[in-house]
């Protein structure tokens, strides 16, 4: 569980297709609201698509840095927040908001966000399977999702949930990089209330 953390530093070694396929089985095993299976996984392989995604990250990262000042800005500027350059595998994971599968059970009127939550659950299972194979995963959240959808030519009703970089970790360290850099620290116990 400690190793299920964002990996930003990858070796440039390729990942065998069979290994990735075993990890992607998580999406066929994951629970989903109404059995809607709303995830749509795009393997971003072309040079043009990867270049566009990396450019997207760089622009969004520059904009994000401008929102910090003083010590946080200094730390932010030193953080490696994407492994996109080195990672051999890029996966863009979307939620198909208009999928008729599941007939809207549990997601039509009361909690429509459950489809996206289902995708997050599937990503978590994928991440755990990847770790079991020795792979690392980094979730890139500093992106313009509208521009990425245009660059990948996705349907308008698909919503980006996660852009994942996958590969072999450069080093073995179970302390998150953000914690090592002094950005933030993990709470020793979960926040819990009783009512």
N, C-alpha and C. Protein backbone atom coordinates (compact mmCIF):
# COMPACT_ATOMS: atom_id res chain seq x y z
N UNK A 1 0.83 -1.20 0.00
CA UNK A 1 0.00 0.00 0.00
C UNK A 1 0.87 1.26 0.00
N UNK A 2 2.01 1.24 0.70
CA UNK A 2 2.89 2.39 0.70
C UNK A 2 3.45 2.66 -0.69
N UNK A 3 3.64 1.59 -1.46
CA UNK A 3 4.19 1.76 -2.80
C UNK A 3 3.15 2.24 -3.80
N UNK A 4 1.87 2.29 -3.41
CA UNK A 4 0.85 2.85 -4.30
C UNK A 4 0.92 4.36 -4.14
N UNK A 5 1.90 4.93 -4.75
CA UNK A 5 2.10 6.37 -4.66
C UNK A 5 2.48 6.87 -6.03
N UNK A 6 2.42 8.17 -6.22
CA UNK A 6 2.79 8.74 -7.51
C UNK A 6 4.27 8.54 -7.78
N UNK A 7 4.57 7.99 -8.93
CA UNK A 7 5.96 7.84 -9.39
C UNK A 7 6.17 8.88 -10.48
N UNK A 8 7.23 9.64 -10.36
CA UNK A 8 7.54 10.68 -11.35
C UNK A 8 8.86 10.39 -12.08
N UNK A 9 9.62 9.48 -11.52
CA UNK A 9 10.94 9.18 -12.09
C UNK A 9 10.96 7.73 -12.56
N UNK A 10 11.04 7.58 -13.88
CA UNK A 10 10.99 6.27 -14.50
C UNK A 10 12.30 5.94 -15.21
N UNK A 11 12.62 4.66 -15.25
CA UNK A 11 13.66 4.20 -16.17
C UNK A 11 13.02 4.21 -17.56
N UNK A 12 13.82 4.37 -18.57
CA UNK A 12 13.28 4.43 -19.92
C UNK A 12 13.12 3.05 -20.54
N UNK A 13 13.15 2.00 -19.73
CA UNK A 13 12.99 0.63 -20.21
C UNK A 13 11.55 0.39 -20.65
N UNK A 14 11.36 -0.36 -21.72
CA UNK A 14 9.99 -0.65 -22.18
C UNK A 14 9.27 -1.60 -21.23
N UNK A 15 7.96 -1.58 -21.32
CA UNK A 15 7.11 -2.50 -20.55
C UNK A 15 6.51 -3.47 -21.54
N UNK A 16 6.65 -4.76 -21.26
CA UNK A 16 6.09 -5.77 -22.15
C UNK A 16 4.57 -5.63 -22.23
N UNK A 17 4.03 -5.87 -23.42
CA UNK A 17 2.58 -5.75 -23.63
C UNK A 17 1.81 -6.68 -22.70
N UNK A 18 2.33 -7.87 -22.45
CA UNK A 18 1.62 -8.83 -21.58
C UNK A 18 1.51 -8.30 -20.15
N UNK A 19 2.54 -7.59 -19.69
CA UNK A 19 2.52 -7.03 -18.34
C UNK A 19 1.45 -5.94 -18.26
N UNK A 20 1.43 -5.05 -19.24
CA UNK A 20 0.42 -4.00 -19.26
C UNK A 20 -0.98 -4.59 -19.36
N UNK A 21 -1.15 -5.60 -20.19
CA UNK A 21 -2.47 -6.24 -20.33
C UNK A 21 -2.96 -6.82 -19.02
N UNK A 22 -2.06 -7.43 -18.24
CA UNK A 22 -2.46 -7.98 -16.94
C UNK A 22 -2.94 -6.86 -16.02
N UNK A 23 -2.28 -5.71 -16.07
CA UNK A 23 -2.68 -4.58 -15.24
C UNK A 23 -4.02 -4.00 -15.70
N UNK A 24 -4.20 -3.92 -17.01
CA UNK A 24 -5.45 -3.36 -17.55
C UNK A 24 -6.66 -4.23 -17.24
N UNK A 25 -6.43 -5.48 -16.84
CA UNK A 25 -7.55 -6.34 -16.42
C UNK A 25 -8.32 -5.72 -15.26
N UNK A 26 -7.68 -4.83 -14.53
CA UNK A 26 -8.35 -4.15 -13.42
C UNK A 26 -9.64 -3.49 -13.88
N UNK A 27 -9.63 -2.97 -15.10
CA UNK A 27 -10.82 -2.29 -15.60
C UNK A 27 -11.96 -3.26 -15.89
N UNK A 28 -11.67 -4.51 -16.12
CA UNK A 28 -12.74 -5.49 -16.34
C UNK A 28 -13.23 -6.06 -15.02
N UNK A 29 -12.46 -5.90 -13.95
CA UNK A 29 -12.82 -6.45 -12.65
C UNK A 29 -13.38 -5.41 -11.69
N UNK A 30 -13.20 -4.14 -12.00
CA UNK A 30 -13.59 -3.07 -11.06
C UNK A 30 -15.10 -2.95 -10.93
N UNK A 31 -15.56 -2.61 -9.72
CA UNK A 31 -16.99 -2.33 -9.55
C UNK A 31 -17.33 -0.98 -10.18
N UNK A 32 -18.58 -0.84 -10.61
CA UNK A 32 -19.03 0.44 -11.15
C UNK A 32 -20.52 0.61 -10.86
N UNK A 33 -20.91 1.85 -10.69
CA UNK A 33 -22.30 2.14 -10.37
C UNK A 33 -23.22 1.58 -11.46
N UNK A 34 -24.21 0.79 -11.06
CA UNK A 34 -25.16 0.22 -12.01
C UNK A 34 -24.52 -0.72 -13.03
N UNK A 35 -23.29 -1.16 -12.77
CA UNK A 35 -22.51 -1.95 -13.72
C UNK A 35 -22.39 -1.20 -15.05
N UNK A 36 -22.17 0.11 -14.93
CA UNK A 36 -22.11 0.98 -16.11
C UNK A 36 -20.77 0.91 -16.83
N UNK A 37 -19.71 0.50 -16.14
CA UNK A 37 -18.37 0.43 -16.72
C UNK A 37 -18.08 1.66 -17.59
N UNK A 38 -18.09 2.86 -16.99
CA UNK A 38 -18.00 4.08 -17.79
C UNK A 38 -16.57 4.48 -18.20
N UNK A 39 -15.58 3.70 -17.82
CA UNK A 39 -14.19 4.07 -18.14
C UNK A 39 -13.89 3.87 -19.61
N UNK A 40 -13.10 4.78 -20.12
CA UNK A 40 -12.59 4.70 -21.49
C UNK A 40 -11.09 4.98 -21.40
N UNK A 41 -10.28 4.00 -21.74
CA UNK A 41 -8.83 4.11 -21.59
C UNK A 41 -8.19 4.29 -22.96
N UNK A 42 -7.45 5.38 -23.10
CA UNK A 42 -6.75 5.65 -24.35
C UNK A 42 -5.26 5.45 -24.12
N UNK A 43 -4.66 4.57 -24.89
CA UNK A 43 -3.22 4.36 -24.85
C UNK A 43 -2.60 5.42 -25.77
N UNK A 44 -1.98 6.41 -25.19
CA UNK A 44 -1.43 7.54 -25.94
C UNK A 44 -0.05 7.13 -26.45
N UNK A 45 0.02 6.73 -27.70
CA UNK A 45 1.27 6.16 -28.22
C UNK A 45 1.92 7.00 -29.32
N UNK A 46 1.15 7.75 -30.08
CA UNK A 46 1.76 8.47 -31.20
C UNK A 46 2.63 9.61 -30.69
N UNK A 47 3.65 9.92 -31.44
CA UNK A 47 4.57 11.00 -31.06
C UNK A 47 3.83 12.32 -30.98
N UNK A 48 2.92 12.56 -31.93
CA UNK A 48 2.17 13.83 -31.95
C UNK A 48 1.29 13.97 -30.71
N UNK A 49 0.59 12.89 -30.34
CA UNK A 49 -0.31 12.95 -29.18
C UNK A 49 0.49 13.13 -27.89
N UNK A 50 1.60 12.42 -27.76
CA UNK A 50 2.43 12.56 -26.56
C UNK A 50 3.02 13.96 -26.47
N UNK A 51 3.50 14.48 -27.59
CA UNK A 51 4.07 15.83 -27.60
C UNK A 51 3.03 16.86 -27.19
N UNK A 52 1.81 16.69 -27.69
CA UNK A 52 0.73 17.62 -27.33
C UNK A 52 0.42 17.53 -25.84
N UNK A 53 0.39 16.32 -25.29
CA UNK A 53 0.11 16.15 -23.86
C UNK A 53 1.22 16.76 -23.01
N UNK A 54 2.47 16.57 -23.41
CA UNK A 54 3.59 17.14 -22.67
C UNK A 54 3.56 18.67 -22.74
N UNK A 55 3.27 19.21 -23.91
CA UNK A 55 3.15 20.67 -24.05
C UNK A 55 2.01 21.20 -23.18
N UNK A 56 0.91 20.46 -23.13
CA UNK A 56 -0.23 20.81 -22.30
C UNK A 56 0.20 20.89 -20.84
N UNK A 57 0.91 19.86 -20.38
CA UNK A 57 1.39 19.85 -18.99
C UNK A 57 2.29 21.06 -18.72
N UNK A 58 3.24 21.31 -19.61
CA UNK A 58 4.19 22.41 -19.39
C UNK A 58 3.47 23.75 -19.26
N UNK A 59 2.49 23.99 -20.11
CA UNK A 59 1.73 25.24 -20.05
C UNK A 59 0.93 25.33 -18.74
N UNK A 60 0.26 24.24 -18.39
CA UNK A 60 -0.54 24.22 -17.15
C UNK A 60 0.35 24.35 -15.92
N UNK A 61 1.54 23.74 -15.97
CA UNK A 61 2.46 23.80 -14.84
C UNK A 61 2.99 25.22 -14.64
N UNK A 62 3.29 25.91 -15.73
CA UNK A 62 3.74 27.30 -15.63
C UNK A 62 2.65 28.17 -15.03
N UNK A 63 1.42 27.94 -15.46
CA UNK A 63 0.29 28.70 -14.92
C UNK A 63 0.09 28.39 -13.44
N UNK A 64 0.21 27.12 -13.06
CA UNK A 64 0.03 26.72 -11.66
C UNK A 64 1.10 27.36 -10.77
N UNK A 65 2.34 27.41 -11.25
CA UNK A 65 3.42 28.01 -10.47
C UNK A 65 3.13 29.47 -10.15
N UNK A 66 2.51 30.17 -11.08
CA UNK A 66 2.21 31.59 -10.86
C UNK A 66 1.19 31.80 -9.74
N UNK A 67 0.50 30.75 -9.34
CA UNK A 67 -0.48 30.86 -8.26
C UNK A 67 0.13 30.71 -6.87
N UNK A 68 1.43 30.45 -6.79
CA UNK A 68 2.10 30.30 -5.50
C UNK A 68 3.09 31.45 -5.30
N UNK A 69 3.42 31.71 -4.05
CA UNK A 69 4.42 32.72 -3.77
C UNK A 69 5.29 32.27 -2.60
N UNK A 70 6.37 32.98 -2.41
CA UNK A 70 7.28 32.76 -1.30
C UNK A 70 7.81 31.32 -1.27
N UNK A 71 7.78 30.71 -0.08
CA UNK A 71 8.38 29.38 0.10
C UNK A 71 7.71 28.32 -0.77
N UNK A 72 6.37 28.36 -0.86
CA UNK A 72 5.67 27.36 -1.67
C UNK A 72 6.06 27.47 -3.15
N UNK A 73 6.23 28.69 -3.64
CA UNK A 73 6.66 28.88 -5.03
C UNK A 73 8.05 28.32 -5.25
N UNK A 74 8.94 28.54 -4.28
CA UNK A 74 10.30 28.01 -4.39
C UNK A 74 10.31 26.49 -4.41
N UNK A 75 9.53 25.88 -3.53
CA UNK A 75 9.46 24.41 -3.50
C UNK A 75 8.81 23.90 -4.79
N UNK A 76 7.69 24.54 -5.17
CA UNK A 76 6.97 24.10 -6.37
C UNK A 76 7.90 24.08 -7.59
N UNK A 77 8.71 25.10 -7.73
CA UNK A 77 9.60 25.22 -8.89
C UNK A 77 10.62 24.09 -8.96
N UNK A 78 10.89 23.44 -7.83
CA UNK A 78 11.86 22.34 -7.82
C UNK A 78 11.23 20.96 -7.96
N UNK A 79 9.92 20.88 -7.85
CA UNK A 79 9.24 19.59 -7.87
C UNK A 79 9.19 19.00 -9.27
N UNK A 80 9.36 17.71 -9.35
CA UNK A 80 9.15 16.98 -10.61
C UNK A 80 7.71 16.48 -10.54
N UNK A 81 6.82 17.10 -11.28
CA UNK A 81 5.40 16.82 -11.17
C UNK A 81 4.85 15.97 -12.31
N UNK A 82 5.74 15.52 -13.17
CA UNK A 82 5.31 14.67 -14.27
C UNK A 82 6.47 13.77 -14.69
N UNK A 83 6.13 12.53 -15.01
CA UNK A 83 7.12 11.61 -15.58
C UNK A 83 6.85 11.40 -17.05
N UNK A 84 6.19 12.36 -17.68
CA UNK A 84 5.73 12.18 -19.06
C UNK A 84 6.88 12.01 -20.05
N UNK A 85 8.00 12.65 -19.81
CA UNK A 85 9.12 12.55 -20.75
C UNK A 85 9.70 11.15 -20.77
N UNK A 86 9.81 10.52 -19.60
CA UNK A 86 10.51 9.24 -19.49
C UNK A 86 9.58 8.02 -19.55
N UNK A 87 8.36 8.15 -19.08
CA UNK A 87 7.48 6.99 -18.96
C UNK A 87 7.20 6.35 -20.32
N UNK A 88 7.37 5.04 -20.43
CA UNK A 88 7.11 4.38 -21.71
C UNK A 88 5.62 4.27 -22.05
N UNK A 89 4.77 4.37 -21.04
CA UNK A 89 3.32 4.22 -21.28
C UNK A 89 2.59 5.45 -20.76
N UNK A 90 1.71 5.99 -21.60
CA UNK A 90 0.82 7.08 -21.22
C UNK A 90 -0.61 6.57 -21.43
N UNK A 91 -1.43 6.69 -20.41
CA UNK A 91 -2.84 6.31 -20.51
C UNK A 91 -3.71 7.49 -20.11
N UNK A 92 -4.61 7.88 -20.98
CA UNK A 92 -5.61 8.91 -20.64
C UNK A 92 -6.89 8.16 -20.31
N UNK A 93 -7.37 8.34 -19.09
CA UNK A 93 -8.55 7.59 -18.63
C UNK A 93 -9.71 8.56 -18.49
N UNK A 94 -10.77 8.25 -19.21
CA UNK A 94 -11.95 9.11 -19.27
C UNK A 94 -13.17 8.42 -18.68
N UNK A 95 -14.15 9.24 -18.31
CA UNK A 95 -15.47 8.76 -17.91
C UNK A 95 -16.44 9.12 -19.03
N UNK A 96 -17.12 8.11 -19.56
CA UNK A 96 -18.13 8.33 -20.58
C UNK A 96 -19.44 8.66 -19.88
N UNK A 97 -19.71 9.95 -19.77
CA UNK A 97 -20.88 10.42 -19.02
C UNK A 97 -22.20 10.01 -19.67
N UNK A 98 -22.20 9.74 -20.96
CA UNK A 98 -23.46 9.45 -21.65
C UNK A 98 -23.65 7.96 -21.94
N UNK A 99 -22.80 7.13 -21.42
CA UNK A 99 -22.94 5.70 -21.68
C UNK A 99 -24.29 5.19 -21.18
N UNK A 100 -25.04 4.50 -22.04
CA UNK A 100 -26.33 3.98 -21.62
C UNK A 100 -26.21 2.72 -20.75
N UNK A 101 -25.02 2.12 -20.73
CA UNK A 101 -24.82 0.89 -19.95
C UNK A 101 -25.11 1.17 -18.48
N UNK A 102 -25.86 0.29 -17.85
CA UNK A 102 -26.24 0.47 -16.46
C UNK A 102 -27.57 1.19 -16.29
N UNK A 103 -28.11 1.71 -17.38
CA UNK A 103 -29.42 2.38 -17.39
C UNK A 103 -29.55 3.46 -16.31
N UNK A 104 -28.43 4.09 -15.95
CA UNK A 104 -28.48 5.19 -15.00
C UNK A 104 -28.69 4.80 -13.55
N UNK A 105 -28.69 3.49 -13.26
CA UNK A 105 -28.92 3.03 -11.89
C UNK A 105 -27.90 3.66 -10.93
N UNK A 106 -28.40 4.37 -9.93
CA UNK A 106 -27.54 4.98 -8.91
C UNK A 106 -26.81 6.23 -9.36
N UNK A 107 -27.02 6.66 -10.59
CA UNK A 107 -26.25 7.80 -11.09
C UNK A 107 -27.06 8.81 -11.85
N UNK A 108 -28.36 8.61 -11.99
CA UNK A 108 -29.15 9.52 -12.81
C UNK A 108 -29.58 10.76 -12.05
N UNK A 109 -30.29 10.57 -10.97
CA UNK A 109 -30.84 11.75 -10.28
C UNK A 109 -30.19 12.02 -8.93
N UNK A 110 -29.75 10.99 -8.23
CA UNK A 110 -29.25 11.21 -6.88
C UNK A 110 -27.77 11.57 -6.83
N UNK A 111 -26.94 10.80 -7.51
CA UNK A 111 -25.50 11.03 -7.45
C UNK A 111 -24.86 10.80 -8.82
N UNK A 112 -25.03 11.75 -9.75
CA UNK A 112 -24.47 11.57 -11.09
C UNK A 112 -22.95 11.44 -11.10
N UNK A 113 -22.29 11.94 -10.06
CA UNK A 113 -20.82 11.85 -10.00
C UNK A 113 -20.33 10.42 -9.78
N UNK A 114 -21.26 9.48 -9.51
CA UNK A 114 -20.86 8.10 -9.24
C UNK A 114 -20.18 7.44 -10.43
N UNK A 115 -20.49 7.87 -11.65
CA UNK A 115 -19.79 7.29 -12.81
C UNK A 115 -18.31 7.65 -12.75
N UNK A 116 -18.01 8.92 -12.47
CA UNK A 116 -16.60 9.33 -12.36
C UNK A 116 -15.93 8.64 -11.18
N UNK A 117 -16.65 8.49 -10.06
CA UNK A 117 -16.08 7.79 -8.90
C UNK A 117 -15.78 6.34 -9.26
N UNK A 118 -16.60 5.74 -10.08
CA UNK A 118 -16.35 4.37 -10.52
C UNK A 118 -15.04 4.29 -11.30
N UNK A 119 -14.78 5.30 -12.12
CA UNK A 119 -13.53 5.33 -12.88
C UNK A 119 -12.34 5.47 -11.93
N UNK A 120 -12.48 6.31 -10.92
CA UNK A 120 -11.41 6.46 -9.94
C UNK A 120 -11.13 5.14 -9.24
N UNK A 121 -12.18 4.41 -8.88
CA UNK A 121 -12.00 3.10 -8.25
C UNK A 121 -11.26 2.14 -9.16
N UNK A 122 -11.60 2.15 -10.44
CA UNK A 122 -10.92 1.27 -11.40
C UNK A 122 -9.45 1.66 -11.56
N UNK A 123 -9.17 2.96 -11.56
CA UNK A 123 -7.78 3.42 -11.63
C UNK A 123 -6.99 2.92 -10.42
N UNK A 124 -7.60 2.97 -9.24
CA UNK A 124 -6.92 2.50 -8.03
C UNK A 124 -6.59 1.01 -8.14
N UNK A 125 -7.53 0.21 -8.64
CA UNK A 125 -7.25 -1.22 -8.83
C UNK A 125 -6.14 -1.43 -9.85
N UNK A 126 -6.17 -0.66 -10.92
CA UNK A 126 -5.11 -0.73 -11.93
C UNK A 126 -3.76 -0.43 -11.28
N UNK A 127 -3.73 0.60 -10.44
CA UNK A 127 -2.50 1.03 -9.78
C UNK A 127 -1.94 -0.09 -8.90
N UNK A 128 -2.83 -0.74 -8.15
CA UNK A 128 -2.38 -1.83 -7.28
C UNK A 128 -1.86 -3.01 -8.09
N UNK A 129 -2.53 -3.33 -9.19
CA UNK A 129 -2.02 -4.40 -10.06
C UNK A 129 -0.67 -4.03 -10.66
N UNK A 130 -0.52 -2.78 -11.05
CA UNK A 130 0.76 -2.32 -11.59
C UNK A 130 1.86 -2.48 -10.55
N UNK A 131 1.59 -2.11 -9.31
CA UNK A 131 2.58 -2.26 -8.25
C UNK A 131 2.93 -3.73 -8.04
N UNK A 132 1.92 -4.61 -8.12
CA UNK A 132 2.18 -6.04 -7.95
C UNK A 132 3.11 -6.56 -9.04
N UNK A 133 3.09 -5.92 -10.20
CA UNK A 133 3.98 -6.29 -11.31
C UNK A 133 5.34 -5.59 -11.21
N UNK A 134 5.49 -4.68 -10.24
CA UNK A 134 6.73 -3.94 -10.10
C UNK A 134 6.74 -2.60 -10.82
N UNK A 135 5.63 -2.27 -11.46
CA UNK A 135 5.53 -1.00 -12.20
C UNK A 135 5.17 0.15 -11.26
N UNK A 136 5.52 1.35 -11.69
CA UNK A 136 5.10 2.55 -11.00
C UNK A 136 4.10 3.30 -11.86
N UNK A 137 3.26 4.08 -11.21
CA UNK A 137 2.25 4.88 -11.90
C UNK A 137 2.30 6.29 -11.36
N UNK A 138 2.23 7.27 -12.23
CA UNK A 138 2.13 8.67 -11.83
C UNK A 138 0.88 9.28 -12.43
N UNK A 139 0.08 9.91 -11.59
CA UNK A 139 -1.17 10.53 -12.03
C UNK A 139 -0.89 12.01 -12.28
N UNK A 140 -0.96 12.43 -13.53
CA UNK A 140 -0.70 13.82 -13.90
C UNK A 140 -2.03 14.58 -13.85
N UNK A 141 -2.12 15.52 -12.93
CA UNK A 141 -3.37 16.28 -12.80
C UNK A 141 -3.19 17.75 -13.19
N UNK A 142 -2.00 18.11 -13.60
CA UNK A 142 -1.75 19.49 -14.02
C UNK A 142 -1.83 19.52 -15.54
N UNK A 143 -3.07 19.57 -16.02
CA UNK A 143 -3.36 19.53 -17.45
C UNK A 143 -4.61 20.34 -17.74
N UNK A 144 -4.74 20.81 -18.95
CA UNK A 144 -5.98 21.43 -19.42
C UNK A 144 -6.79 20.32 -20.08
N UNK A 145 -7.85 19.83 -19.42
CA UNK A 145 -8.59 18.68 -19.95
C UNK A 145 -9.31 18.98 -21.26
N UNK A 146 -9.73 20.21 -21.46
CA UNK A 146 -10.42 20.58 -22.70
C UNK A 146 -9.45 20.47 -23.88
N UNK A 147 -8.25 21.02 -23.70
CA UNK A 147 -7.26 20.95 -24.77
C UNK A 147 -6.83 19.51 -25.03
N UNK A 148 -6.67 18.73 -23.96
CA UNK A 148 -6.27 17.33 -24.14
C UNK A 148 -7.33 16.57 -24.94
N UNK A 149 -8.60 16.82 -24.64
CA UNK A 149 -9.68 16.15 -25.37
C UNK A 149 -9.63 16.50 -26.86
N UNK A 150 -9.32 17.77 -27.16
CA UNK A 150 -9.19 18.17 -28.56
C UNK A 150 -8.01 17.47 -29.21
N UNK A 151 -6.88 17.45 -28.50
CA UNK A 151 -5.67 16.84 -29.05
C UNK A 151 -5.84 15.35 -29.30
N UNK A 152 -6.64 14.69 -28.45
CA UNK A 152 -6.86 13.25 -28.60
C UNK A 152 -8.12 12.95 -29.41
N UNK A 153 -8.82 14.00 -29.83
CA UNK A 153 -10.02 13.86 -30.65
C UNK A 153 -11.08 13.00 -29.97
N UNK A 154 -11.35 13.32 -28.70
CA UNK A 154 -12.32 12.55 -27.91
C UNK A 154 -13.73 13.11 -28.04
N UNK A 155 -14.73 12.26 -27.82
CA UNK A 155 -16.12 12.75 -27.81
C UNK A 155 -16.33 13.80 -26.72
N UNK A 156 -17.24 14.72 -26.95
CA UNK A 156 -17.50 15.81 -26.01
C UNK A 156 -18.03 15.34 -24.66
N UNK A 157 -18.69 14.18 -24.63
CA UNK A 157 -19.27 13.72 -23.37
C UNK A 157 -18.32 12.82 -22.57
N UNK A 158 -17.08 12.74 -22.98
CA UNK A 158 -16.07 12.05 -22.18
C UNK A 158 -15.38 13.08 -21.29
N UNK A 159 -15.27 12.78 -20.01
CA UNK A 159 -14.61 13.69 -19.06
C UNK A 159 -13.32 13.06 -18.58
N UNK A 160 -12.23 13.82 -18.66
CA UNK A 160 -10.93 13.31 -18.20
C UNK A 160 -10.97 13.08 -16.70
N UNK A 161 -10.56 11.89 -16.29
CA UNK A 161 -10.44 11.57 -14.87
C UNK A 161 -8.96 11.49 -14.49
N UNK A 162 -8.16 10.85 -15.32
CA UNK A 162 -6.75 10.74 -14.99
C UNK A 162 -5.86 10.55 -16.20
N UNK A 163 -4.72 11.20 -16.17
CA UNK A 163 -3.68 10.95 -17.18
C UNK A 163 -2.57 10.25 -16.44
N UNK A 164 -2.31 8.99 -16.81
CA UNK A 164 -1.39 8.15 -16.06
C UNK A 164 -0.12 7.87 -16.84
N UNK A 165 1.01 8.03 -16.18
CA UNK A 165 2.30 7.63 -16.72
C UNK A 165 2.67 6.32 -16.05
N UNK A 166 3.09 5.34 -16.83
CA UNK A 166 3.35 4.00 -16.30
C UNK A 166 4.72 3.54 -16.78
N UNK A 167 5.48 2.94 -15.88
CA UNK A 167 6.77 2.39 -16.24
C UNK A 167 7.49 1.83 -15.03
N UNK A 168 8.73 1.46 -15.24
CA UNK A 168 9.55 0.90 -14.16
C UNK A 168 10.14 2.05 -13.35
N UNK A 169 9.92 2.08 -12.02
CA UNK A 169 10.46 3.16 -11.19
C UNK A 169 11.99 3.22 -11.26
N UNK A 170 12.50 4.43 -11.24
CA UNK A 170 13.95 4.65 -11.27
C UNK A 170 14.60 4.16 -9.98
N UNK A 171 13.93 4.40 -8.85
CA UNK A 171 14.45 3.99 -7.55
C UNK A 171 13.32 3.40 -6.70
N UNK A 172 13.72 2.70 -5.66
CA UNK A 172 12.75 2.12 -4.72
C UNK A 172 12.70 3.02 -3.48
N UNK A 173 11.60 3.73 -3.30
CA UNK A 173 11.43 4.60 -2.14
C UNK A 173 9.94 4.69 -1.85
N UNK A 174 9.55 4.29 -0.65
CA UNK A 174 8.12 4.31 -0.36
C UNK A 174 7.64 5.58 0.34
N UNK A 175 8.49 6.60 0.41
CA UNK A 175 8.07 7.91 0.93
C UNK A 175 7.76 8.80 -0.27
N UNK A 176 6.56 9.35 -0.34
CA UNK A 176 6.21 10.19 -1.48
C UNK A 176 7.20 11.34 -1.69
N UNK A 177 7.44 11.64 -2.95
CA UNK A 177 8.39 12.70 -3.31
C UNK A 177 7.98 14.05 -2.73
N UNK A 178 6.68 14.34 -2.71
CA UNK A 178 6.22 15.62 -2.16
C UNK A 178 6.56 15.73 -0.67
N UNK A 179 6.51 14.61 0.02
CA UNK A 179 6.87 14.60 1.44
C UNK A 179 8.38 14.79 1.60
N UNK A 180 9.15 14.12 0.77
CA UNK A 180 10.61 14.28 0.83
C UNK A 180 11.05 15.70 0.51
N UNK A 181 10.29 16.38 -0.36
CA UNK A 181 10.63 17.75 -0.76
C UNK A 181 10.14 18.80 0.24
N UNK A 182 9.33 18.38 1.22
CA UNK A 182 8.82 19.32 2.21
C UNK A 182 7.57 20.06 1.79
N UNK A 183 6.89 19.58 0.72
CA UNK A 183 5.67 20.25 0.26
C UNK A 183 4.52 20.02 1.24
N UNK A 184 4.39 18.78 1.69
CA UNK A 184 3.31 18.43 2.61
C UNK A 184 3.70 17.13 3.30
N UNK A 185 3.02 16.81 4.40
CA UNK A 185 3.34 15.60 5.15
C UNK A 185 2.08 14.78 5.37
N UNK A 186 2.24 13.47 5.35
CA UNK A 186 1.11 12.55 5.51
C UNK A 186 0.64 12.55 6.96
N UNK A 187 -0.67 12.55 7.16
CA UNK A 187 -1.24 12.47 8.50
C UNK A 187 -1.02 11.07 9.06
N UNK A 188 -0.66 10.97 10.33
CA UNK A 188 -0.40 9.65 10.91
C UNK A 188 -1.66 8.81 11.10
N UNK A 189 -2.81 9.46 11.25
CA UNK A 189 -4.07 8.74 11.42
C UNK A 189 -5.12 9.36 10.53
N UNK A 190 -6.11 8.56 10.12
CA UNK A 190 -7.17 9.13 9.27
C UNK A 190 -8.04 10.12 10.04
N UNK A 191 -8.55 11.10 9.31
CA UNK A 191 -9.49 12.06 9.93
C UNK A 191 -10.82 11.33 10.05
N UNK A 192 -11.31 11.30 11.26
CA UNK A 192 -12.52 10.51 11.51
C UNK A 192 -13.37 11.22 12.55
N UNK A 193 -14.67 11.24 12.31
CA UNK A 193 -15.60 11.85 13.25
C UNK A 193 -16.68 10.86 13.61
N UNK A 194 -17.27 11.06 14.75
CA UNK A 194 -18.40 10.23 15.18
C UNK A 194 -19.60 11.15 15.38
N UNK A 195 -20.73 10.72 14.84
CA UNK A 195 -21.95 11.51 15.00
C UNK A 195 -22.99 10.70 15.72
